[in-house]
């Protein structure tokens, strides 16, 4: 009986307790709701211009959908089965991976070296840091035209330098490996400085106390770089590797503009035709949107798989 009364008394005491003022309740509600309102515009835009086109592309890939067709027939996974038997697709996938490896691997190594140099005590450091970003802000079309002339088969500067070294001229546009090297050079020229600035920002965030303690212990500059700088750059290097993978596997503009005027892109024998370039040609030159959508989804899955693989390998390599 006593316990029952005590419970009743506690309930009455809680009812008698004054309610918090309305201003406090609104403030508490604002603290709970505001974060979701702040991030909501991103998710709304992502659903509208990102997720919906992605899902709609998957839907289109199940139809024999051509431009101008009113009622395209449903074919299921026929576009995918045809794609996996398409020799031109596998050739484009090989070209994409070849250009990706020739560009991304050297690009990240050089970016780390440039970031380390920019992190040193240089005069006019701001000017040097802005200078490495100039290739990124320059017009991609202009850069492609310049590199197309540099790697010209007859009057290109690169062949002139090779001639001075006693090496026969290379037809960069007709050769498979040569064209991949030329296109990878364009990609490296454009993106190395951008990645170097990202890595530089991470280097400057490393506490100076760690370097001072290592210096007191007698560690050399090279030892400090490999034992302190690289391990602490691990999150940034993972980010750079993943973004480089996503961008490298979607390369389009460089191979499209590398071919002389009059070509459809990718070379006469598709020697530097990439997957995105093949997708573009299937959709807007062959007018087969269903097949192009299947290419897009296969490329999407390849990018996800390779990016995840690079993520785990980078985590294990940089400790």
Protein backbone atom coordinates (compact mmCIF):
# COMPACT_ATOMS: atom_id res chain seq x y z
CA UNK A 1 0.00 0.00 0.00
CA UNK A 2 2.85 2.30 0.88
CA UNK A 3 4.58 1.56 -2.44
CA UNK A 4 1.32 2.28 -4.30
CA UNK A 5 0.92 5.61 -2.60
CA UNK A 6 4.48 6.58 -3.26
CA UNK A 7 3.97 5.91 -6.98
CA UNK A 8 0.84 8.05 -6.98
CA UNK A 9 2.66 10.82 -5.15
CA UNK A 10 5.52 10.70 -7.67
CA UNK A 11 3.07 10.89 -10.57
CA UNK A 12 1.36 13.91 -9.02
CA UNK A 13 4.73 15.55 -8.42
CA UNK A 14 5.66 15.08 -12.08
CA UNK A 15 2.32 16.55 -13.19
CA UNK A 16 2.84 19.49 -10.85
CA UNK A 17 6.31 20.13 -12.29
CA UNK A 18 6.17 23.22 -14.52
CA UNK A 19 6.52 22.61 -18.26
CA UNK A 20 9.66 24.00 -19.84
CA UNK A 21 9.10 27.31 -21.58
CA UNK A 22 8.08 27.25 -25.23
CA UNK A 23 11.33 28.92 -26.23
CA UNK A 24 13.31 26.05 -24.70
CA UNK A 25 11.17 23.43 -26.45
CA UNK A 26 11.60 25.15 -29.82
CA UNK A 27 15.35 25.36 -29.26
CA UNK A 28 15.51 21.66 -28.45
CA UNK A 29 13.46 20.83 -31.55
CA UNK A 30 15.69 23.06 -33.67
CA UNK A 31 18.81 21.23 -32.45
CA UNK A 32 17.31 17.90 -33.49
CA UNK A 33 15.82 18.93 -36.84
CA UNK A 34 18.31 21.51 -38.15
CA UNK A 35 21.11 19.07 -39.09
CA UNK A 36 18.71 17.15 -41.32
CA UNK A 37 17.50 20.36 -42.95
CA UNK A 38 21.08 21.44 -43.64
CA UNK A 39 21.97 18.21 -45.46
CA UNK A 40 18.58 17.83 -47.15
CA UNK A 41 19.42 19.99 -50.23
CA UNK A 42 22.31 17.69 -51.15
CA UNK A 43 20.16 14.56 -50.97
CA UNK A 44 17.32 16.21 -52.87
CA UNK A 45 19.71 17.21 -55.68
CA UNK A 46 21.38 13.80 -55.58
CA UNK A 47 18.05 12.02 -55.98
CA UNK A 48 16.98 14.37 -58.77
CA UNK A 49 20.17 14.47 -60.87
CA UNK A 50 22.06 11.43 -59.60
CA UNK A 51 20.00 8.53 -58.32
CA UNK A 52 17.02 8.91 -60.65
CA UNK A 53 19.12 8.96 -63.89
CA UNK A 54 21.08 5.97 -62.58
CA UNK A 55 17.95 3.92 -61.97
CA UNK A 56 16.34 5.10 -65.19
CA UNK A 57 19.43 4.02 -67.12
CA UNK A 58 19.02 0.54 -65.64
CA UNK A 59 15.41 0.55 -66.81
CA UNK A 60 16.36 1.66 -70.35
CA UNK A 61 19.01 -1.06 -70.56
CA UNK A 62 16.25 -3.70 -70.46
CA UNK A 63 14.70 -2.45 -73.70
CA UNK A 64 15.70 -2.31 -77.34
CA UNK A 65 15.48 1.45 -77.05
CA UNK A 66 16.43 3.57 -80.03
CA UNK A 67 16.20 7.34 -80.35
CA UNK A 68 12.73 8.29 -81.58
CA UNK A 69 11.12 4.95 -80.73
CA UNK A 70 7.58 5.32 -79.34
CA UNK A 71 7.13 1.85 -77.86
CA UNK A 72 10.51 0.10 -77.46
CA UNK A 73 10.26 -3.68 -76.99
CA UNK A 74 11.32 -5.29 -73.73
CA UNK A 75 14.36 -7.55 -74.23
CA UNK A 76 15.40 -8.23 -70.63
CA UNK A 77 19.12 -8.89 -70.25
CA UNK A 78 19.71 -9.37 -73.96
CA UNK A 79 21.71 -6.13 -74.18
CA UNK A 80 24.03 -7.39 -71.45
CA UNK A 81 24.53 -10.81 -73.05
CA UNK A 82 25.28 -9.13 -76.38
CA UNK A 83 27.69 -6.77 -74.66
CA UNK A 84 29.71 -9.57 -73.05
CA UNK A 85 30.13 -11.14 -76.49
CA UNK A 86 31.13 -7.85 -78.10
CA UNK A 87 34.83 -7.84 -78.99
CA UNK A 88 34.81 -4.07 -79.40
CA UNK A 89 33.62 -3.64 -75.81
CA UNK A 90 36.42 -5.83 -74.45
CA UNK A 91 38.92 -3.91 -76.57
CA UNK A 92 37.56 -0.64 -75.15
CA UNK A 93 37.77 -2.04 -71.62
CA UNK A 94 41.41 -3.06 -72.21
CA UNK A 95 42.24 0.40 -73.56
CA UNK A 96 40.56 2.02 -70.55
CA UNK A 97 42.55 -0.02 -68.04
CA UNK A 98 45.78 0.50 -69.96
CA UNK A 99 45.40 4.29 -70.02
CA UNK A 100 44.24 4.23 -66.39
CA UNK A 101 47.33 2.35 -65.20
CA UNK A 102 49.71 4.49 -67.27
CA UNK A 103 48.21 7.65 -65.81
CA UNK A 104 47.02 7.04 -62.25
CA UNK A 105 50.03 5.13 -60.85
CA UNK A 106 52.74 7.64 -61.93
CA UNK A 107 50.39 10.52 -61.23
CA UNK A 108 49.98 9.71 -57.54
CA UNK A 109 53.70 9.05 -57.00
CA UNK A 110 54.68 12.33 -58.68
CA UNK A 111 51.94 14.19 -56.77
CA UNK A 112 53.39 13.01 -53.44
CA UNK A 113 56.89 14.11 -54.48
CA UNK A 114 55.65 17.53 -55.65
CA UNK A 115 53.67 17.98 -52.43
CA UNK A 116 56.80 17.20 -50.38
CA UNK A 117 58.81 19.76 -52.36
CA UNK A 118 56.09 22.40 -51.96
CA UNK A 119 56.01 21.70 -48.23
CA UNK A 120 59.68 22.66 -47.92
CA UNK A 121 60.97 26.14 -47.12
CA UNK A 122 60.78 27.67 -50.58
CA UNK A 123 60.76 31.28 -51.60
CA UNK A 124 57.49 32.46 -53.16
CA UNK A 125 55.74 29.28 -52.03
CA UNK A 126 52.32 30.64 -52.90
CA UNK A 127 53.42 31.23 -56.50
CA UNK A 128 54.77 27.70 -56.84
CA UNK A 129 51.59 26.24 -55.38
CA UNK A 130 49.44 28.24 -57.76
CA UNK A 131 51.70 27.24 -60.65
CA UNK A 132 51.10 23.51 -60.25
CA UNK A 133 47.36 24.16 -60.51
CA UNK A 134 47.55 26.00 -63.84
CA UNK A 135 47.21 22.84 -66.01
CA UNK A 136 43.97 22.01 -64.18
CA UNK A 137 42.35 25.40 -64.79
CA UNK A 138 43.52 25.61 -68.40
CA UNK A 139 41.14 24.66 -71.20
CA UNK A 140 41.10 20.91 -71.77
CA UNK A 141 40.49 21.39 -75.49
CA UNK A 142 43.53 23.65 -75.75
CA UNK A 143 45.69 21.18 -73.82
CA UNK A 144 44.56 18.33 -76.05
CA UNK A 145 45.43 20.30 -79.20
CA UNK A 146 48.86 21.14 -77.78
CA UNK A 147 49.60 17.54 -76.84
CA UNK A 148 48.26 16.36 -80.18
CA UNK A 149 50.91 18.54 -81.84
CA UNK A 150 53.61 17.43 -79.40
CA UNK A 151 52.89 13.79 -80.23
CA UNK A 152 52.41 14.46 -83.93
CA UNK A 153 53.68 11.60 -86.14
CA UNK A 154 55.71 13.80 -88.50
CA UNK A 155 56.49 17.17 -86.92
CA UNK A 156 55.89 16.48 -83.25
CA UNK A 157 58.40 17.75 -80.70
CA UNK A 158 58.49 14.38 -78.91
CA UNK A 159 59.60 12.58 -82.08
CA UNK A 160 62.22 15.28 -82.68
CA UNK A 161 63.68 14.64 -79.23
CA UNK A 162 63.60 10.88 -79.81
CA UNK A 163 65.41 11.44 -83.11
CA UNK A 164 68.22 13.25 -81.27
CA UNK A 165 68.56 10.15 -79.09
CA UNK A 166 68.76 7.89 -82.13
CA UNK A 167 65.25 6.47 -81.73
CA UNK A 168 63.05 6.11 -84.79
CA UNK A 169 59.89 8.28 -84.90
CA UNK A 170 56.74 6.74 -83.45
CA UNK A 171 53.29 7.09 -84.95
CA UNK A 172 51.62 7.93 -81.66
CA UNK A 173 48.10 7.87 -83.06
CA UNK A 174 48.39 4.60 -84.98
CA UNK A 175 50.23 2.65 -82.28
CA UNK A 176 48.18 1.16 -79.47
CA UNK A 177 50.79 1.56 -76.74
CA UNK A 178 52.01 4.87 -78.14
CA UNK A 179 48.53 6.36 -78.16
CA UNK A 180 47.94 5.17 -74.60
CA UNK A 181 51.18 6.84 -73.49
CA UNK A 182 50.23 10.09 -75.22
CA UNK A 183 46.74 10.18 -73.71
CA UNK A 184 48.08 9.22 -70.26
CA UNK A 185 50.55 12.12 -70.54
CA UNK A 186 47.64 14.52 -71.04
CA UNK A 187 45.84 13.11 -68.00
CA UNK A 188 48.98 13.32 -65.85
CA UNK A 189 49.68 16.88 -66.94
CA UNK A 190 46.17 17.95 -66.02
CA UNK A 191 45.61 16.18 -62.69
CA UNK A 192 49.02 15.78 -61.01
CA UNK A 193 49.12 19.32 -59.64
CA UNK A 194 45.53 19.08 -58.39
CA UNK A 195 46.29 15.91 -56.43
CA UNK A 196 49.56 17.41 -55.19
CA UNK A 197 47.70 20.31 -53.56
CA UNK A 198 45.30 17.89 -51.82
CA UNK A 199 48.25 15.90 -50.46
CA UNK A 200 50.06 19.13 -49.52
CA UNK A 201 47.08 20.23 -47.42
CA UNK A 202 47.20 16.90 -45.57
CA UNK A 203 50.97 17.25 -45.03
CA UNK A 204 50.55 20.66 -43.46
CA UNK A 205 47.97 19.26 -41.05
CA UNK A 206 50.53 16.84 -39.56
CA UNK A 207 51.62 18.11 -36.09
CA UNK A 208 55.13 19.57 -36.03
CA UNK A 209 55.77 17.97 -32.63
CA UNK A 210 55.97 14.55 -34.26
CA UNK A 211 58.74 15.68 -36.60
CA UNK A 212 60.60 17.43 -33.78
CA UNK A 213 60.52 14.28 -31.64
CA UNK A 214 61.83 12.20 -34.55
CA UNK A 215 64.56 14.77 -35.20
CA UNK A 216 65.66 14.60 -31.58
CA UNK A 217 65.84 10.81 -31.90
CA UNK A 218 68.20 11.24 -34.86
CA UNK A 219 65.85 10.24 -37.70
CA UNK A 220 66.96 11.45 -41.12
CA UNK A 221 64.71 13.39 -43.47
CA UNK A 222 64.13 10.29 -45.60
CA UNK A 223 63.28 8.21 -42.54
CA UNK A 224 60.86 10.87 -41.28
CA UNK A 225 59.15 10.92 -44.67
CA UNK A 226 58.60 7.15 -44.87
CA UNK A 227 57.95 6.55 -41.15
CA UNK A 228 55.86 9.61 -40.30
CA UNK A 229 54.59 11.48 -43.35
CA UNK A 230 53.37 8.59 -45.49
CA UNK A 231 51.56 6.71 -42.68
CA UNK A 232 49.80 9.90 -41.55
CA UNK A 233 48.81 10.62 -45.16
CA UNK A 234 46.95 7.32 -45.37
CA UNK A 235 43.36 8.74 -45.39
CA UNK A 236 44.27 11.37 -47.98
CA UNK A 237 46.09 8.87 -50.19
CA UNK A 238 43.08 6.56 -50.07
CA UNK A 239 40.86 9.45 -51.14
CA UNK A 240 43.20 10.40 -54.00
CA UNK A 241 43.51 6.80 -55.19
CA UNK A 242 39.74 6.25 -55.18
CA UNK A 243 38.96 9.53 -56.97
CA UNK A 244 41.72 8.87 -59.51
CA UNK A 245 40.25 5.43 -60.14
CA UNK A 246 36.77 6.82 -60.70
CA UNK A 247 38.04 9.54 -63.03
CA UNK A 248 40.55 7.34 -64.86
CA UNK A 249 38.00 4.68 -65.76
CA UNK A 250 35.62 7.33 -67.12
CA UNK A 251 38.11 9.06 -69.41
CA UNK A 252 36.43 10.48 -72.50
CA UNK A 253 37.59 13.91 -73.65
CA UNK A 254 41.28 13.16 -74.18
CA UNK A 255 40.82 10.14 -76.50
CA UNK A 256 37.91 11.88 -78.24
CA UNK A 257 39.97 14.95 -79.14
CA UNK A 258 43.28 13.13 -79.68
CA UNK A 259 42.17 11.80 -83.06
CA UNK A 260 42.64 14.15 -86.05
CA UNK A 261 39.61 15.97 -87.38
CA UNK A 262 37.26 13.82 -89.40
CA UNK A 263 37.52 10.70 -87.23
CA UNK A 264 34.77 9.36 -85.01
CA UNK A 265 37.13 9.03 -82.03
CA UNK A 266 39.14 6.11 -80.73
CA UNK A 267 41.41 5.57 -83.72
CA UNK A 268 40.93 3.89 -87.07
CA UNK A 269 41.27 0.44 -85.46
CA UNK A 270 39.83 1.46 -82.08
CA UNK A 271 43.33 1.36 -80.64
CA UNK A 272 42.55 4.00 -77.98
CA UNK A 273 38.77 3.78 -77.82
CA UNK A 274 37.69 3.81 -74.16
CA UNK A 275 34.49 2.43 -72.65
CA UNK A 276 32.90 5.87 -72.21
CA UNK A 277 33.82 6.77 -75.79
CA UNK A 278 32.23 3.52 -76.99
CA UNK A 279 29.16 4.34 -74.90
CA UNK A 280 28.94 7.78 -76.51
CA UNK A 281 29.28 6.33 -80.01
CA UNK A 282 26.63 3.66 -79.33
CA UNK A 283 24.15 6.21 -77.98
CA UNK A 284 24.63 9.26 -80.19
CA UNK A 285 26.09 7.79 -83.37
CA UNK A 286 24.45 4.37 -83.37
CA UNK A 287 21.25 5.70 -81.69
CA UNK A 288 20.97 2.55 -79.56
CA UNK A 289 20.14 3.89 -76.12
CA UNK A 290 19.34 0.48 -74.64
CA UNK A 291 22.76 -0.93 -75.54
CA UNK A 292 24.51 2.26 -74.38
CA UNK A 293 22.68 2.05 -71.05
CA UNK A 294 23.90 -1.52 -70.61
CA UNK A 295 27.47 -0.29 -71.25
CA UNK A 296 26.97 2.44 -68.65
CA UNK A 297 25.80 -0.01 -65.99
CA UNK A 298 28.60 -2.49 -66.64
CA UNK A 299 31.11 0.36 -66.41
CA UNK A 300 29.46 1.50 -63.17
CA UNK A 301 29.94 -1.94 -61.62
CA UNK A 302 33.56 -2.11 -62.88
CA UNK A 303 34.33 1.29 -61.34
CA UNK A 304 32.80 0.26 -58.00
CA UNK A 305 34.79 -3.00 -57.98
CA UNK A 306 38.13 -1.41 -58.91
CA UNK A 307 37.65 1.50 -56.50
CA UNK A 308 36.90 -0.93 -53.66
CA UNK A 309 39.96 -3.01 -54.58
CA UNK A 310 42.18 0.08 -54.61
CA UNK A 311 40.71 1.15 -51.27
CA UNK A 312 41.66 -2.11 -49.55
CA UNK A 313 45.08 -2.32 -51.23
CA UNK A 314 45.91 1.25 -50.26
CA UNK A 315 44.88 0.61 -46.67
CA UNK A 316 47.21 -2.38 -46.49
CA UNK A 317 50.12 -0.72 -48.33
CA UNK A 318 50.16 2.56 -46.36
CA UNK A 319 50.56 1.76 -42.67
